[in-house]
Amino acid sequence: MVTDNPDPTLTGPLHDRFTAKRAEKATRVVVNSVVFRSSGQNLTKRGAYIEMVSRFLEPVLLALAILAIRGRVKR
């Protein structure tokens, strides 16, 4: 069996392909795949950003708690 795959072509003018909405989605996809591990749930934009912020702040708050406990124990 042989299939014929045509070469992909870009359609539409350049200013229609590069929009703020597409750039925001591309940025979200890249950040989720590189920096954060996405939960795999279908979240709203607000939910996705809350998840990203919480994944960043959790280790920071844990480190601050450990430093606070260490400072109390050393005294």
Protein backbone atom coordinates (compact mmCIF):
# COMPACT_ATOMS: atom_id res chain seq x y z
CA MET A 1 0.00 0.00 0.00
CA VAL A 2 1.38 3.35 -1.01
CA THR A 3 -0.03 6.62 0.22
CA ASP A 4 0.53 9.99 -1.31
CA ASN A 5 1.24 12.73 1.26
CA PRO A 6 1.23 16.17 -0.30
CA ASP A 7 3.73 18.70 0.95
CA PRO A 8 2.23 21.01 3.58
CA THR A 9 1.53 24.51 2.37
CA LEU A 10 0.87 27.62 4.37
CA THR A 11 -2.42 29.27 3.62
CA GLY A 12 -3.59 32.75 4.38
CA PRO A 13 -1.66 35.97 4.78
CA LEU A 14 1.15 36.23 7.29
CA HIS A 15 -0.65 38.70 9.61
CA ASP A 16 -3.55 36.22 10.00
CA ARG A 17 -1.25 33.38 11.03
CA PHE A 18 0.65 35.31 13.73
CA THR A 19 -1.92 36.48 16.25
CA ALA A 20 -1.73 37.21 19.97
CA LYS A 21 -4.07 34.31 20.70
CA ARG A 22 -1.86 31.82 18.85
CA ALA A 23 1.31 33.25 20.43
CA GLU A 24 -0.21 32.95 23.92
CA LYS A 25 -1.22 29.34 23.30
CA ALA A 26 2.20 28.48 21.85
CA THR A 27 3.91 30.03 24.87
CA ARG A 28 1.68 28.07 27.24
CA VAL A 29 2.39 24.80 25.42
CA VAL A 30 6.16 25.38 25.46
CA VAL A 31 6.24 26.38 29.13
CA ASN A 32 4.11 23.39 30.13
CA SER A 33 6.23 20.95 28.17
CA VAL A 34 9.65 22.31 29.12
CA VAL A 35 9.36 23.78 32.59
CA PHE A 36 6.26 22.26 34.15
CA ARG A 37 4.71 18.85 33.86
CA SER A 38 1.14 19.36 32.76
CA SER A 39 -1.48 17.50 34.78
CA GLY A 40 -3.22 16.31 31.64
CA GLN A 41 -6.53 17.83 32.70
CA ASN A 42 -8.49 20.13 30.47
CA LEU A 43 -8.17 23.44 32.32
CA THR A 44 -9.25 26.94 31.47
CA LYS A 45 -6.57 29.54 30.77
CA ARG A 46 -6.91 30.85 34.30
CA GLY A 47 -6.64 27.33 35.73
CA ALA A 48 -3.56 26.56 33.66
CA TYR A 49 -1.84 29.72 34.87
CA ILE A 50 -2.79 29.00 38.49
CA GLU A 51 -1.33 25.51 38.10
CA MET A 52 1.92 26.94 36.67
CA VAL A 53 2.26 29.48 39.49
CA SER A 54 1.54 26.89 42.17
CA ARG A 55 4.07 24.47 40.69
CA PHE A 56 6.67 27.24 40.86
CA LEU A 57 5.78 28.49 44.36
CA GLU A 58 5.48 25.12 46.10
CA PRO A 59 9.25 24.38 46.14
CA VAL A 60 10.01 27.99 47.08
CA LEU A 61 7.65 27.89 50.07
CA LEU A 62 8.95 24.47 51.10
CA ALA A 63 12.54 25.77 51.05
CA LEU A 64 11.57 28.80 53.14
CA ALA A 65 9.83 26.53 55.67
CA ILE A 66 12.92 24.34 55.92
CA LEU A 67 15.12 27.39 56.45
CA ALA A 68 12.78 28.68 59.16
CA ILE A 69 12.84 25.35 60.98
CA ARG A 70 16.62 25.17 60.64
CA GLY A 71 16.97 28.65 62.11
CA ARG A 72 14.79 27.72 65.09
CA VAL A 73 16.65 24.48 65.76
CA LYS A 74 20.09 26.11 65.59
CA ARG A 75 19.28 28.55 68.38
